Protein backbone atom coordinates (compact mmCIF):
# COMPACT_ATOMS: atom_id res chain seq x y z
CA MET A 1 -42.47 30.03 -50.13
CA LEU A 2 -41.54 27.51 -53.07
CA ASP A 3 -43.36 27.57 -56.44
CA VAL A 4 -42.20 24.93 -58.62
CA ARG A 5 -43.32 25.19 -62.37
CA ASN A 6 -42.92 22.88 -65.32
CA LEU A 7 -40.16 21.04 -63.94
CA ARG A 8 -38.57 18.46 -66.30
CA LEU A 9 -35.61 16.11 -65.64
CA TYR A 10 -34.63 13.54 -68.41
CA TYR A 11 -31.82 10.89 -68.01
CA GLY A 12 -30.04 9.37 -71.05
CA MET A 13 -29.69 5.52 -70.54
CA GLY A 14 -28.50 3.00 -73.03
CA GLY A 15 -29.34 5.31 -76.15
CA THR A 16 -32.94 6.09 -74.72
CA VAL A 17 -34.16 9.10 -72.84
CA VAL A 18 -36.12 8.34 -69.51
CA LYS A 19 -38.51 11.23 -68.70
CA ALA A 20 -38.16 10.85 -64.91
CA VAL A 21 -39.90 14.09 -64.10
CA ASP A 22 -42.09 15.66 -66.88
CA GLY A 23 -43.96 18.96 -66.01
CA VAL A 24 -44.17 18.65 -62.17
CA GLU A 25 -45.83 21.74 -60.60
CA PHE A 26 -46.68 22.33 -56.93
CA ARG A 27 -46.29 25.13 -54.17
CA VAL A 28 -45.08 25.05 -50.64
CA ALA A 29 -46.20 27.89 -48.35
CA ASP A 30 -44.18 29.15 -45.17
CA GLY A 31 -44.45 26.63 -42.44
CA GLU A 32 -46.18 24.07 -44.54
CA THR A 33 -45.49 20.40 -45.16
CA ILE A 34 -46.05 18.98 -48.60
CA GLY A 35 -46.22 15.28 -48.98
CA LEU A 36 -44.76 13.84 -52.36
CA VAL A 37 -46.22 10.29 -52.68
CA GLY A 38 -46.44 7.65 -55.38
CA GLU A 39 -45.00 4.23 -56.24
CA SER A 40 -41.36 3.48 -56.76
CA GLY A 41 -39.99 5.11 -59.95
CA SER A 42 -42.69 7.76 -60.16
CA GLY A 43 -40.02 10.53 -59.90
CA LYS A 44 -40.31 11.56 -56.33
CA THR A 45 -36.53 11.68 -55.55
CA SER A 46 -35.51 12.90 -58.95
CA THR A 47 -37.74 15.97 -58.11
CA GLY A 48 -36.09 16.47 -54.89
CA LEU A 49 -32.57 16.29 -56.35
CA ALA A 50 -33.70 18.61 -59.25
CA LEU A 51 -34.64 21.25 -56.60
CA MET A 52 -31.31 20.76 -54.94
CA ARG A 53 -29.50 20.89 -58.40
CA LEU A 54 -27.72 17.46 -57.40
CA LEU A 55 -27.70 15.95 -60.89
CA PRO A 56 -25.97 12.97 -62.07
CA ASN A 57 -23.78 12.96 -65.34
CA ASN A 58 -26.28 11.29 -67.51
CA VAL A 59 -28.96 14.13 -67.48
CA VAL A 60 -29.86 15.07 -70.96
CA HIS A 61 -32.50 17.66 -70.27
CA PHE A 62 -33.08 19.86 -67.20
CA SER A 63 -35.52 22.71 -67.30
CA GLY A 64 -38.43 24.38 -65.39
CA HIS A 65 -38.67 26.94 -62.63
CA ALA A 66 -38.34 26.87 -58.73
CA PHE A 67 -39.15 30.28 -57.13
CA ILE A 68 -38.35 31.25 -53.48
CA ASP A 69 -39.33 35.01 -52.88
CA GLY A 70 -39.27 35.67 -56.53
CA VAL A 71 -35.80 34.22 -57.23
CA ASP A 72 -35.53 31.17 -59.64
CA LEU A 73 -33.26 28.70 -57.93
CA LEU A 74 -32.86 26.63 -61.31
CA ALA A 75 -32.05 29.78 -63.42
CA MET A 76 -29.18 31.30 -61.38
CA ASP A 77 -25.62 30.65 -61.63
CA TYR A 78 -24.80 27.26 -60.31
CA ARG A 79 -21.86 28.53 -58.07
CA LYS A 80 -24.21 31.29 -56.63
CA PHE A 81 -26.85 28.83 -55.95
CA VAL A 82 -24.33 26.45 -54.17
CA ALA A 83 -22.84 29.51 -52.20
CA GLU A 84 -26.07 31.25 -51.26
CA PHE A 85 -29.11 28.74 -51.28
CA ARG A 86 -28.00 25.14 -51.06
CA TRP A 87 -28.17 24.20 -47.38
CA LYS A 88 -28.61 27.75 -46.09
CA VAL A 89 -32.11 28.18 -47.69
CA VAL A 90 -32.86 24.66 -48.95
CA SER A 91 -31.43 21.40 -47.69
CA MET A 92 -32.07 17.85 -47.95
CA VAL A 93 -32.25 14.44 -45.95
CA PHE A 94 -31.04 11.84 -48.29
CA GLN A 95 -32.62 8.32 -48.26
CA GLY A 96 -30.63 5.84 -46.29
CA ALA A 97 -28.78 7.47 -43.41
CA MET A 98 -26.50 4.44 -43.37
CA ASN A 99 -25.04 5.22 -46.71
CA SER A 100 -24.97 9.16 -46.28
CA PHE A 101 -22.43 9.26 -43.68
CA ASN A 102 -18.58 8.80 -44.07
CA PRO A 103 -17.87 5.70 -41.99
CA VAL A 104 -14.32 6.83 -40.91
CA LEU A 105 -15.22 10.33 -39.79
CA LYS A 106 -16.87 11.16 -36.48
CA VAL A 107 -20.52 12.13 -36.73
CA GLY A 108 -19.97 15.47 -35.17
CA GLU A 109 -17.36 16.41 -37.69
CA GLN A 110 -19.69 15.56 -40.48
CA VAL A 111 -22.54 17.57 -39.23
CA ALA A 112 -20.25 20.59 -38.58
CA GLU A 113 -18.96 20.56 -42.10
CA PRO A 114 -21.48 22.90 -43.64
CA LEU A 115 -20.71 25.42 -40.73
CA LEU A 116 -17.00 25.32 -41.49
CA VAL A 117 -17.39 25.58 -45.30
CA LYS A 118 -20.37 27.96 -45.74
CA THR A 119 -19.93 30.32 -42.71
CA ASP A 120 -17.15 32.18 -40.72
CA ALA A 121 -17.65 29.91 -37.68
CA ASP A 122 -14.33 28.38 -36.34
CA ARG A 123 -14.06 24.75 -35.19
CA LYS A 124 -15.04 25.57 -31.54
CA GLU A 125 -18.12 27.47 -32.52
CA ALA A 126 -18.94 24.75 -35.08
CA VAL A 127 -18.71 22.05 -32.34
CA ASN A 128 -20.90 24.08 -29.81
CA LEU A 129 -23.54 24.59 -32.58
CA VAL A 130 -23.56 20.78 -33.49
CA LYS A 131 -24.12 19.94 -29.94
CA LYS A 132 -26.94 22.40 -29.46
CA MET A 133 -28.56 21.05 -32.70
CA PHE A 134 -28.18 17.32 -31.39
CA ARG A 135 -30.13 18.48 -28.21
CA GLN A 136 -32.84 19.82 -30.37
CA VAL A 137 -33.15 16.62 -32.26
CA GLY A 138 -33.13 14.51 -29.27
CA LEU A 139 -29.54 13.27 -29.30
CA PRO A 140 -26.98 13.28 -26.48
CA GLU A 141 -24.07 15.58 -27.09
CA GLU A 142 -21.65 12.79 -26.96
CA VAL A 143 -23.03 11.39 -30.07
CA ALA A 144 -20.68 13.95 -31.93
CA GLU A 145 -17.81 11.85 -30.77
CA ARG A 146 -18.93 8.72 -32.13
CA TYR A 147 -18.61 6.99 -35.53
CA PRO A 148 -21.72 6.28 -37.66
CA HIS A 149 -21.54 2.44 -36.98
CA GLU A 150 -21.87 3.11 -33.29
CA LEU A 151 -25.37 4.68 -33.83
CA SER A 152 -28.68 2.88 -34.19
CA GLY A 153 -30.79 3.48 -37.20
CA GLY A 154 -32.98 6.05 -35.41
CA MET A 155 -29.79 8.09 -34.08
CA LYS A 156 -28.29 8.21 -37.55
CA GLN A 157 -31.68 9.49 -38.93
CA ARG A 158 -31.80 12.05 -36.20
CA ALA A 159 -28.20 12.98 -36.94
CA MET A 160 -29.04 13.38 -40.72
CA ILE A 161 -31.82 15.84 -39.77
CA ALA A 162 -29.36 17.77 -37.48
CA MET A 163 -27.15 18.15 -40.49
CA ALA A 164 -29.75 19.27 -42.85
CA LEU A 165 -30.87 21.89 -40.19
CA ILE A 166 -27.54 23.18 -39.10
CA LEU A 167 -27.54 26.21 -41.20
CA ASN A 168 -30.98 27.01 -40.39
CA PRO A 169 -32.68 26.58 -43.84
CA ARG A 170 -36.11 27.74 -44.50
CA LEU A 171 -37.10 24.48 -46.50
CA ILE A 172 -35.96 20.90 -45.91
CA ILE A 173 -36.46 18.15 -48.31
CA LEU A 174 -36.87 14.67 -46.69
CA ASP A 175 -36.49 11.61 -49.02
CA GLU A 176 -38.08 8.49 -47.34
CA PRO A 177 -36.59 9.44 -43.95
CA THR A 178 -38.31 6.48 -42.21
CA SER A 179 -38.02 3.86 -44.87
CA ALA A 180 -35.30 1.74 -43.09
CA LEU A 181 -36.72 2.08 -39.63
CA ASP A 182 -39.20 -0.13 -37.59
CA VAL A 183 -42.61 1.27 -36.70
CA SER A 184 -41.81 2.56 -33.10
CA ILE A 185 -38.66 4.60 -34.52
CA GLN A 186 -40.81 5.76 -37.44
CA THR A 187 -43.25 7.40 -35.01
CA GLN A 188 -40.55 8.97 -33.04
CA VAL A 189 -38.99 10.60 -36.19
CA ILE A 190 -42.42 11.76 -37.40
CA ASN A 191 -42.95 13.35 -33.86
CA LEU A 192 -39.65 15.04 -33.96
CA LEU A 193 -40.28 16.50 -37.38
CA LYS A 194 -43.67 17.78 -36.17
CA LYS A 195 -41.99 19.35 -33.33
CA LEU A 196 -39.10 20.94 -35.31
CA LYS A 197 -41.78 22.16 -37.90
CA LYS A 198 -43.54 24.12 -35.12
CA GLU A 199 -40.37 25.37 -33.45
CA LEU A 200 -38.56 26.38 -36.25
CA GLN A 201 -41.30 27.46 -38.61
CA LEU A 202 -39.98 25.16 -41.24
CA SER A 203 -41.38 24.24 -44.67
CA MET A 204 -40.90 20.64 -45.68
CA ILE A 205 -41.14 18.34 -48.74
CA PHE A 206 -41.83 14.90 -47.38
CA ILE A 207 -41.24 12.26 -50.04
CA THR A 208 -42.68 8.70 -49.44
CA HIS A 209 -44.56 5.84 -51.03
CA ASP A 210 -46.67 5.64 -47.85
CA LEU A 211 -49.87 7.46 -47.85
CA ALA A 212 -50.85 6.31 -44.42
CA LEU A 213 -47.40 7.74 -42.96
CA VAL A 214 -47.55 11.12 -44.77
CA SER A 215 -51.08 11.66 -43.67
CA ASP A 216 -49.74 12.22 -40.10
CA ILE A 217 -47.41 15.16 -41.10
CA ALA A 218 -48.46 16.68 -44.53
CA ASP A 219 -50.69 19.84 -44.92
CA SER A 220 -51.05 19.17 -48.51
CA ILE A 221 -50.31 16.15 -50.74
CA ALA A 222 -48.98 15.88 -54.36
CA VAL A 223 -49.56 12.34 -55.77
CA MET A 224 -46.93 11.43 -58.48
CA TYR A 225 -47.35 8.99 -61.18
CA ALA A 226 -44.88 8.19 -64.16
CA GLY A 227 -43.01 11.60 -63.69
CA GLU A 228 -46.28 13.68 -63.29
CA VAL A 229 -48.22 15.20 -60.42
CA VAL A 230 -51.53 13.61 -61.15
CA GLU A 231 -53.36 15.15 -57.99
CA PHE A 232 -52.58 17.89 -55.62
CA GLY A 233 -54.77 19.03 -52.65
CA VAL A 234 -55.03 19.76 -49.02
CA SER A 235 -54.51 16.41 -47.06
CA ASP A 236 -57.95 16.11 -45.41
CA ASP A 237 -59.72 16.57 -48.66
CA LEU A 238 -57.49 14.31 -50.71
CA LEU A 239 -57.51 11.57 -48.20
CA THR A 240 -61.12 11.52 -47.55
CA ASN A 241 -62.36 12.33 -51.09
CA PRO A 242 -59.63 11.39 -53.69
CA ALA A 243 -60.28 12.53 -57.23
CA HIS A 244 -57.94 10.59 -59.45
CA PRO A 245 -58.45 6.88 -59.88
CA TYR A 246 -54.68 6.31 -59.04
CA THR A 247 -55.16 8.15 -55.66
CA GLN A 248 -58.17 6.04 -55.11
CA LYS A 249 -56.51 2.84 -55.75
CA LEU A 250 -53.41 3.80 -53.45
CA LEU A 251 -55.65 4.42 -50.50
CA LYS A 252 -57.76 1.35 -51.05
CA SER A 253 -54.32 -0.59 -50.75
CA ILE A 254 -53.73 0.72 -47.25
CA PRO A 255 -54.87 -1.60 -44.21
CA ARG A 256 -57.46 0.02 -41.94
CA LEU A 257 -57.60 -0.34 -38.15
CA LYS A 258 -61.44 -0.89 -38.13
CA GLY A 259 -63.65 -2.63 -40.66
CA SER A 260 -62.99 -5.73 -42.54
CA LYS A 261 -62.88 -4.22 -46.19
CA THR A 262 -60.76 -6.26 -48.55
CA LEU A 263 -57.73 -4.60 -49.65
CA GLU A 264 -57.28 -3.82 -53.31
CA TYR A 265 -54.09 -3.49 -55.68
CA ILE A 266 -53.31 -1.68 -58.67
CA PRO A 267 -53.12 -4.05 -61.66
CA GLY A 268 -50.35 -4.07 -64.17
CA GLN A 269 -47.11 -2.20 -63.73
CA PRO A 270 -45.67 1.44 -63.95
CA PRO A 271 -44.94 2.48 -67.56
CA ASN A 272 -41.48 2.61 -69.20
CA LEU A 273 -40.71 6.28 -68.80
CA SER A 274 -38.56 6.02 -71.94
CA ASN A 275 -41.70 5.34 -73.96
CA PRO A 276 -44.52 6.44 -71.73
CA PRO A 277 -48.21 5.75 -72.77
CA THR A 278 -50.03 8.28 -75.00
CA GLY A 279 -52.67 10.44 -73.31
CA CYS A 280 -53.02 9.83 -69.61
CA ARG A 281 -50.09 7.80 -68.44
CA PHE A 282 -52.29 5.98 -66.00
CA HIS A 283 -54.90 4.83 -68.44
CA PRO A 284 -53.35 1.37 -69.20
CA ARG A 285 -54.06 0.40 -65.41
CA CYS A 286 -57.08 2.61 -64.77
CA PRO A 287 -60.34 0.87 -64.02
CA ARG A 288 -62.31 3.91 -65.44
CA VAL A 289 -60.63 4.52 -68.68
CA PHE A 290 -62.39 5.61 -71.74
CA ASP A 291 -61.45 6.43 -75.31
CA LYS A 292 -60.10 10.01 -74.72
CA CYS A 293 -57.80 8.81 -71.95
CA SER A 294 -55.48 7.23 -74.44
CA LEU A 295 -55.63 10.04 -77.12
CA GLU A 296 -55.06 13.18 -75.31
CA THR A 297 -52.97 14.14 -72.26
CA PRO A 298 -55.29 15.67 -69.52
CA PRO A 299 -54.68 19.31 -68.34
CA SER A 300 -54.60 20.15 -64.62
CA ILE A 301 -58.24 20.53 -63.76
CA ALA A 302 -59.56 22.32 -60.59
CA VAL A 303 -61.63 20.03 -58.43
CA GLY A 304 -62.88 21.41 -55.07
CA ASN A 305 -59.70 22.82 -53.30
CA GLY A 306 -57.23 20.95 -55.39
CA VAL A 307 -56.28 19.92 -58.88
CA VAL A 308 -56.29 16.84 -60.81
CA LYS A 309 -55.10 15.65 -64.14
CA CYS A 310 -57.89 13.27 -65.36
CA TRP A 311 -60.53 13.42 -68.23
CA LEU A 312 -63.19 12.35 -65.91
CA TYR A 313 -63.33 15.87 -64.58
CA GLY A 314 -62.72 17.53 -67.84
CA GLY A 315 -63.98 15.74 -70.91
CA GLU A 316 -66.73 13.34 -72.00
CA LYS A 317 -67.12 10.67 -69.46
CA GLU A 318 -68.19 7.09 -70.17
CA GLY A 319 -71.64 6.34 -71.09
């Protein structure tokens, strides 16, 4: 359904160029959920914004391809993309529902806005469609008459999901949709997304730093580090047999319900993306590093049912 190839997004900051997204590639099938995971600053949100073509003024380089049914969303005229694809084919739930609503407008008016701007629906039709969508995401109809401050965090998140779905898009990008919610509300939102995925045959890109959370909803997982996808594969395979040392370390940092295994952490800090390390960008923090890792950038190498960017699977190993 979506085929992302060689996506690059660089920012200009203080006279330097920050390579926030650098050659990202992945695919999303019809009705599939892809988890996009990694530490803060790995380029996850920038990838989502690039696919929506919502770029800040300090972008100095933007290139790549994102095909839907053979149409390149990134190559087409911007006005055509906004009119025919943004929100109608691909939409986004932005991080932080509290900051995504206008505090002085009723929630129903804001959810109805895409209908009034992008379709021929009149205000009465838009209101009825909003109420129908609210019922579908588990909100009472009267929420349409409330202001954002009158809603709980979970209700605001559901309203944001309703806004993203109001034009029946085929793909929805969710940026940390549960990050500001407590655990019980997180579970409700995840169950809602699974229900909507089944009912509407939605494709999703679920952006998060939490591998434990994404394991409950994602069919496949793309692990990002320093602006690159370093591993991509089917969720069950990636979670039970991770190939990249970074993915292995991420999984070892997650508490387990059973067993007394000591949690591990990733030493060091993520690299400065204005001057990333040569070779593999993870090599300064990698416990399995060898000479080739710092000299040459690894290609995407097929491992099992996935791909990994690591010289352990395509070059001379230690010893």
